[in-house]
Protein backbone atom coordinates (compact mmCIF):
# COMPACT_ATOMS: atom_id res chain seq x y z
CA UNK A 1 25.61 90.74 115.34
CA UNK A 2 23.51 88.99 112.53
CA UNK A 3 21.54 91.14 110.67
CA UNK A 4 17.76 91.31 111.75
CA UNK A 5 16.59 91.85 108.40
CA UNK A 6 18.38 88.36 108.03
CA UNK A 7 17.57 85.46 110.61
CA UNK A 8 20.11 83.05 109.52
CA UNK A 9 20.63 81.02 112.60
CA UNK A 10 23.56 78.96 111.66
CA UNK A 11 26.70 79.96 109.61
CA UNK A 12 28.80 76.54 108.25
CA UNK A 13 32.42 77.65 107.40
CA UNK A 14 34.31 75.22 105.11
CA UNK A 15 38.20 76.84 104.75
CA UNK A 16 39.29 74.97 101.40
CA UNK A 17 42.37 74.67 100.04
CA UNK A 18 43.30 72.52 96.84
CA UNK A 19 40.41 70.09 97.34
CA UNK A 20 38.66 70.05 94.08
CA UNK A 21 38.75 65.86 94.50
CA UNK A 22 36.71 66.01 97.44
CA UNK A 23 34.79 69.41 97.66
CA UNK A 24 31.58 68.52 95.57
CA UNK A 25 30.97 65.69 98.04
CA UNK A 26 31.15 67.87 101.24
CA UNK A 27 28.83 70.55 99.81
CA UNK A 28 26.54 67.46 98.55
CA UNK A 29 26.28 66.43 101.93
CA UNK A 30 25.92 70.25 103.38
CA UNK A 31 23.42 70.91 100.57
CA UNK A 32 21.55 67.53 102.12
CA UNK A 33 21.07 68.75 105.89
CA UNK A 34 17.60 68.98 106.81
CA UNK A 35 17.80 72.46 108.26
CA UNK A 36 15.27 75.13 107.36
CA UNK A 37 17.42 76.92 104.07
CA UNK A 38 16.26 80.06 105.19
CA UNK A 39 18.06 80.09 108.58
CA UNK A 40 21.34 78.61 106.77
CA UNK A 41 23.74 79.77 104.79
CA UNK A 42 27.31 77.71 104.19
CA UNK A 43 30.05 79.59 103.00
CA UNK A 44 33.21 78.03 101.60
CA UNK A 45 36.73 79.98 101.95
CA UNK A 46 38.71 78.86 99.19
CA UNK A 47 42.99 79.63 100.58
CA UNK A 48 44.26 80.41 97.16
CA UNK A 49 44.03 77.67 95.48
CA UNK A 50 45.43 76.78 92.07
CA UNK A 51 43.89 73.58 91.28
CA UNK A 52 40.24 72.96 90.55
CA UNK A 53 38.52 73.87 93.56
CA UNK A 54 36.87 77.51 92.62
CA UNK A 55 35.59 75.84 89.84
CA UNK A 56 33.75 72.60 91.09
CA UNK A 57 32.45 75.10 93.86
CA UNK A 58 31.30 77.53 91.80
CA UNK A 59 29.17 75.10 89.49
CA UNK A 60 27.86 73.57 92.22
CA UNK A 61 26.86 76.66 94.50
CA UNK A 62 25.08 78.85 91.51
CA UNK A 63 21.91 78.08 91.95
CA UNK A 64 21.84 77.37 95.52
CA UNK A 65 21.89 80.84 97.26
CA UNK A 66 22.29 79.75 100.68
CA UNK A 67 25.81 79.07 99.48
CA UNK A 68 28.66 81.74 99.31
CA UNK A 69 32.17 81.44 97.69
CA UNK A 70 34.56 83.61 98.84
CA UNK A 71 38.49 83.76 97.86
CA UNK A 72 40.88 84.54 100.56
CA UNK A 73 43.95 86.05 99.37
CA UNK A 74 45.05 88.48 102.23
CA UNK A 75 45.84 88.13 105.84
CA UNK A 76 44.42 89.42 108.96
CA UNK A 77 46.60 89.80 112.25
CA UNK A 78 49.36 88.50 110.64
CA UNK A 79 47.06 84.86 110.25
CA UNK A 80 48.22 82.06 107.89
CA UNK A 81 46.37 79.43 106.52
CA UNK A 82 42.95 77.76 107.68
CA UNK A 83 43.38 79.97 111.12
CA UNK A 84 43.25 83.03 108.84
CA UNK A 85 40.49 81.86 106.35
CA UNK A 86 38.34 81.03 109.25
CA UNK A 87 38.92 84.62 110.84
CA UNK A 88 37.68 85.86 107.49
CA UNK A 89 34.56 83.96 107.07
CA UNK A 90 33.96 84.58 111.23
CA UNK A 91 33.29 88.16 110.23
CA UNK A 92 31.34 87.53 106.79
CA UNK A 93 29.40 85.10 108.85
CA UNK A 94 25.75 86.40 110.40
CA UNK A 95 24.27 83.32 112.21
CA UNK A 96 24.43 82.68 115.78
CA UNK A 97 26.23 79.96 115.66
CA UNK A 98 29.03 79.02 113.77
CA UNK A 99 29.54 74.84 112.54
CA UNK A 100 33.16 73.93 110.92
CA UNK A 101 33.50 71.67 108.70
CA UNK A 102 36.33 70.30 106.33
CA UNK A 103 36.29 70.07 102.73
CA UNK A 104 37.28 66.75 102.65
CA UNK A 105 34.25 65.83 105.37
CA UNK A 106 30.49 64.35 104.24
CA UNK A 107 28.38 65.20 106.85
CA UNK A 108 24.66 63.31 108.16
CA UNK A 109 21.47 64.88 107.41
CA UNK A 110 20.88 65.01 111.19
CA UNK A 111 23.86 67.09 111.79
CA UNK A 112 22.66 70.46 112.63
CA UNK A 113 19.28 69.56 113.84
CA UNK A 114 21.21 66.90 116.58
CA UNK A 115 23.76 69.41 117.78
CA UNK A 116 22.28 72.41 118.25
CA UNK A 117 20.19 71.35 121.12
CA UNK A 118 23.66 70.87 122.68
CA UNK A 119 23.74 74.56 123.13
CA UNK A 120 23.14 75.64 126.50
CA UNK A 121 22.76 78.72 128.33
CA UNK A 122 26.19 78.52 129.21
CA UNK A 123 27.76 76.56 126.57
CA UNK A 124 30.08 77.65 123.86
CA UNK A 125 31.38 75.30 121.94
CA UNK A 126 29.98 71.70 121.20
CA UNK A 127 32.79 68.79 119.85
CA UNK A 128 31.06 65.83 117.41
CA UNK A 129 32.04 62.93 116.37
CA UNK A 130 34.13 61.78 112.94
CA UNK A 131 35.73 58.74 111.64
CA UNK A 132 37.03 57.97 108.07
CA UNK A 133 35.22 57.01 104.89
CA UNK A 134 35.20 52.97 105.04
CA UNK A 135 37.49 51.76 102.56
CA UNK A 136 40.86 50.05 103.32
CA UNK A 137 42.56 48.43 106.74
CA UNK A 138 44.66 52.14 107.32
CA UNK A 139 41.20 53.89 106.60
CA UNK A 140 39.78 51.52 109.29
CA UNK A 141 42.45 51.97 112.21
CA UNK A 142 42.16 55.26 112.06
CA UNK A 143 38.15 55.62 112.14
CA UNK A 144 39.19 53.52 115.66
CA UNK A 145 41.74 55.71 116.73
CA UNK A 146 39.25 58.88 116.23
CA UNK A 147 36.57 57.14 118.27
CA UNK A 148 38.83 55.73 120.70
CA UNK A 149 39.99 59.02 121.44
CA UNK A 150 36.55 60.78 121.12
CA UNK A 151 34.98 57.71 123.33
CA UNK A 152 38.00 58.72 126.46
CA UNK A 153 37.15 62.51 125.89
CA UNK A 154 33.64 62.08 125.98
CA UNK A 155 34.07 60.35 129.34
CA UNK A 156 36.61 63.20 130.44
CA UNK A 157 33.89 66.39 129.76
CA UNK A 158 31.00 64.02 132.17
CA UNK A 159 33.40 65.57 135.22
CA UNK A 160 33.49 68.68 132.93
CA UNK A 161 37.33 68.21 131.71
CA UNK A 162 37.95 69.92 128.24
CA UNK A 163 40.59 67.55 126.72
CA UNK A 164 40.59 68.95 122.42
CA UNK A 165 37.77 70.32 119.96
CA UNK A 166 37.99 68.82 116.96
CA UNK A 167 37.64 71.72 113.84
CA UNK A 168 36.39 68.68 110.82
CA UNK A 169 32.96 68.76 113.27
CA UNK A 170 32.63 71.12 116.10
CA UNK A 171 30.06 74.30 116.61
CA UNK A 172 30.89 77.63 118.67
CA UNK A 173 28.31 80.46 119.31
CA UNK A 174 29.06 83.62 117.94
CA UNK A 175 28.74 85.63 121.09
CA UNK A 176 31.94 82.53 122.56
CA UNK A 177 33.74 83.17 119.36
CA UNK A 178 33.95 87.58 119.43
CA UNK A 179 34.25 87.40 123.16
CA UNK A 180 37.17 85.67 123.29
CA UNK A 181 38.69 87.54 120.51
CA UNK A 182 38.75 85.35 117.69
CA UNK A 183 41.59 83.71 115.52
CA UNK A 184 43.00 87.17 115.39
CA UNK A 185 43.16 86.61 119.41
CA UNK A 186 44.93 83.66 119.13
CA UNK A 187 46.75 83.96 116.47
CA UNK A 188 49.03 81.68 113.92
CA UNK A 189 48.54 77.72 114.84
CA UNK A 190 48.54 74.94 112.67
CA UNK A 191 46.25 73.46 115.16
CA UNK A 192 44.13 75.93 115.10
CA UNK A 193 40.67 74.01 116.55
CA UNK A 194 42.37 73.23 119.59
CA UNK A 195 43.25 76.39 120.12
CA UNK A 196 39.68 78.05 118.98
CA UNK A 197 38.33 75.44 121.78
CA UNK A 198 40.73 76.13 124.67
CA UNK A 199 40.27 80.03 123.51
CA UNK A 200 36.40 79.64 124.27
CA UNK A 201 37.20 77.33 127.77
CA UNK A 202 39.46 79.48 129.03
CA UNK A 203 36.88 82.67 128.55
CA UNK A 204 34.98 80.62 130.97
CA UNK A 205 32.24 79.34 128.74
CA UNK A 206 31.12 75.77 129.42
CA UNK A 207 31.43 73.13 126.66
CA UNK A 208 29.39 69.63 125.54
CA UNK A 209 30.83 66.60 123.87
CA UNK A 210 28.12 65.15 120.97
CA UNK A 211 28.18 61.83 121.16
CA UNK A 212 25.52 60.69 118.94
CA UNK A 213 25.46 58.38 115.57
CA UNK A 214 23.59 61.37 114.19
CA UNK A 215 26.15 64.14 114.27
CA UNK A 216 28.89 61.71 113.35
CA UNK A 217 30.69 63.07 109.73
CA UNK A 218 32.94 60.38 107.50
CA UNK A 219 36.40 62.16 106.33
CA UNK A 220 38.55 61.35 103.59
CA UNK A 221 40.96 59.19 105.06
CA UNK A 222 45.07 59.63 104.42
CA UNK A 223 45.90 56.53 101.69
CA UNK A 224 49.92 56.54 102.14
CA UNK A 225 52.04 55.86 105.14
CA UNK A 226 53.87 59.36 104.25
CA UNK A 227 50.75 60.91 104.23
CA UNK A 228 49.77 59.96 107.75
CA UNK A 229 53.37 60.84 109.44
CA UNK A 230 52.97 64.51 107.53
CA UNK A 231 49.22 64.31 109.26
CA UNK A 232 50.23 63.41 112.18
CA UNK A 233 53.15 66.03 112.31
CA UNK A 234 50.83 68.59 112.82
CA UNK A 235 48.23 67.06 115.22
CA UNK A 236 51.51 66.17 117.72
CA UNK A 237 51.89 70.16 118.19
CA UNK A 238 48.62 70.05 119.61
CA UNK A 239 48.66 67.28 122.04
CA UNK A 240 52.26 68.81 122.96
CA UNK A 241 50.29 71.87 123.85
CA UNK A 242 47.11 70.12 125.79
CA UNK A 243 46.73 68.94 129.16
CA UNK A 244 49.86 67.39 131.08
CA UNK A 245 47.74 64.49 131.46
CA UNK A 246 46.96 63.78 127.91
CA UNK A 247 50.93 64.06 127.11
CA UNK A 248 51.30 62.14 129.46
CA UNK A 249 48.60 59.04 128.53
CA UNK A 250 50.59 59.56 124.64
CA UNK A 251 53.80 59.16 126.16
CA UNK A 252 52.80 55.77 128.25
CA UNK A 253 50.46 54.25 125.53
CA UNK A 254 53.81 55.02 122.75
CA UNK A 255 56.54 53.51 125.12
CA UNK A 256 53.92 50.84 127.37
CA UNK A 257 56.37 47.84 126.32
CA UNK A 258 60.34 49.12 127.46
CA UNK A 259 58.49 51.06 130.27
CA UNK A 260 57.05 47.20 131.33
CA UNK A 261 60.28 45.84 130.88
CA UNK A 262 61.66 48.27 132.71
CA UNK A 263 59.03 48.11 135.49
CA UNK A 264 59.81 44.06 135.82
CA UNK A 265 63.81 44.84 136.30
CA UNK A 266 62.36 46.02 140.19
CA UNK A 267 59.21 44.70 140.43
CA UNK A 268 58.35 41.14 140.08
CA UNK A 269 55.46 41.79 137.46
CA UNK A 270 54.64 39.80 134.88
CA UNK A 271 55.15 41.37 131.66
CA UNK A 272 53.36 39.28 129.13
CA UNK A 273 50.25 39.60 131.61
CA UNK A 274 50.19 42.92 132.24
CA UNK A 275 50.38 43.51 127.77
CA UNK A 276 47.56 41.04 127.41
CA UNK A 277 45.40 42.52 130.15
CA UNK A 278 46.30 46.51 128.83
CA UNK A 279 44.72 44.20 125.33
CA UNK A 280 41.81 43.81 126.88
CA UNK A 281 41.25 46.79 128.56
CA UNK A 282 41.84 49.18 125.19
CA UNK A 283 40.30 46.25 122.86
CA UNK A 284 36.71 46.74 125.68
CA UNK A 285 37.06 50.26 125.03
CA UNK A 286 37.23 50.10 121.71
CA UNK A 287 34.09 47.90 121.03
CA UNK A 288 32.03 49.85 123.42
CA UNK A 289 32.72 52.50 121.19
CA UNK A 290 31.53 51.20 117.74
CA UNK A 291 28.64 49.60 119.81
CA UNK A 292 27.69 52.65 121.11
CA UNK A 293 28.12 54.53 118.06
CA UNK A 294 26.76 51.89 115.90
CA UNK A 295 29.65 51.23 113.92
CA UNK A 296 29.17 47.43 113.57
CA UNK A 297 32.13 47.46 110.67
CA UNK A 298 34.95 48.66 112.28
CA UNK A 299 34.70 45.21 114.86
CA UNK A 300 38.05 44.17 112.96
CA UNK A 301 39.86 47.20 113.30
CA UNK A 302 38.59 47.24 117.13
CA UNK A 303 40.43 43.89 117.86
CA UNK A 304 43.68 44.69 116.28
CA UNK A 305 43.56 48.82 117.62
CA UNK A 306 45.98 47.85 119.97
CA UNK A 307 48.52 47.03 117.51
CA UNK A 308 47.99 49.51 116.36
CA UNK A 309 48.55 51.97 118.71
CA UNK A 310 51.47 51.20 120.21
CA UNK A 311 53.02 51.08 117.34
CA UNK A 312 51.84 54.74 115.35
CA UNK A 313 52.28 56.24 118.91
CA UNK A 314 55.97 55.65 119.06
CA UNK A 315 56.16 56.26 115.54
CA UNK A 316 54.36 59.52 115.99
CA UNK A 317 56.97 60.48 119.24
CA UNK A 318 59.70 60.35 116.46
CA UNK A 319 58.27 61.84 113.76
CA UNK A 320 57.85 64.70 115.96
CA UNK A 321 61.32 65.16 117.42
CA UNK A 322 63.06 64.82 114.09
CA UNK A 323 64.27 68.16 113.07
CA UNK A 324 62.21 68.68 109.73
CA UNK A 325 59.51 71.02 109.11
CA UNK A 326 55.77 70.80 109.17
CA UNK A 327 53.97 70.45 105.54
CA UNK A 328 50.54 71.22 105.41
CA UNK A 329 48.51 71.78 102.35
CA UNK A 330 51.20 72.17 100.52
CA UNK A 331 53.06 74.97 102.56
CA UNK A 332 55.82 74.26 105.22
CA UNK A 333 55.52 75.55 108.84
């Protein structure tokens, strides 16, 4: 339990590995949140970085007592990577709520104050929103992909159907985390956010989706296609562990064109007309998302998103089933 002599309400946990180019942006945004500093602690867990991450962090936090830097060099319960770092940080945290933020994320000043009210008496986890920094077309398409998926997740959340968590913008109660056994109980996973989310749900806690622009975080995008493939190799592990409906939707969206062509062999459907209707549906959801979340700069990406979606889905499937290792933060899994 938190120390009663130190009434910390929120602990923000940041896992960082070789983030010297991103970490200061993240720390500045966390320092700017409109939340009482005496009720807040921000703990950065350095996953044995071999670049200038440690120096960047120490230089920034030297006069900020609500920040803490911890070098992580040991393993808990056989954990690895980010899951191991977050497990260590959870034991150091004093807050009643554990907020998760990645080292390449910039949060809004309203992040904490707008996320916290979503915790109700039975709520164990709250999922936020993330998009990419507006920098190039690929970044905008990635933003649209995230916001589309999160809008669908929001829809299912209205019916209490859990889809996924998101480790770069998510919060859990201290009680829920330790009651379900934390990452030590989950075991090693390269999709630790999804595993934590589902573990808390399995423990009987409810979840909420914070769907508003005030809590939308901005991530640094991947900038090359090989980077994207490495990222998606890891993400696909999470998709394949999720509900059957989520897996089915991925296969259908990825293989929609050959599926419609096969159906047309036995049933008199007009393939082009069906594809146009599908495009209209996906684009309508995309435009609704950027309107509700007040992201007008993504309107071009919303109109192009269907073409990206049917392409990247197929690429993700092929890439996932290729016999290669998953590379994450310079390590192979």
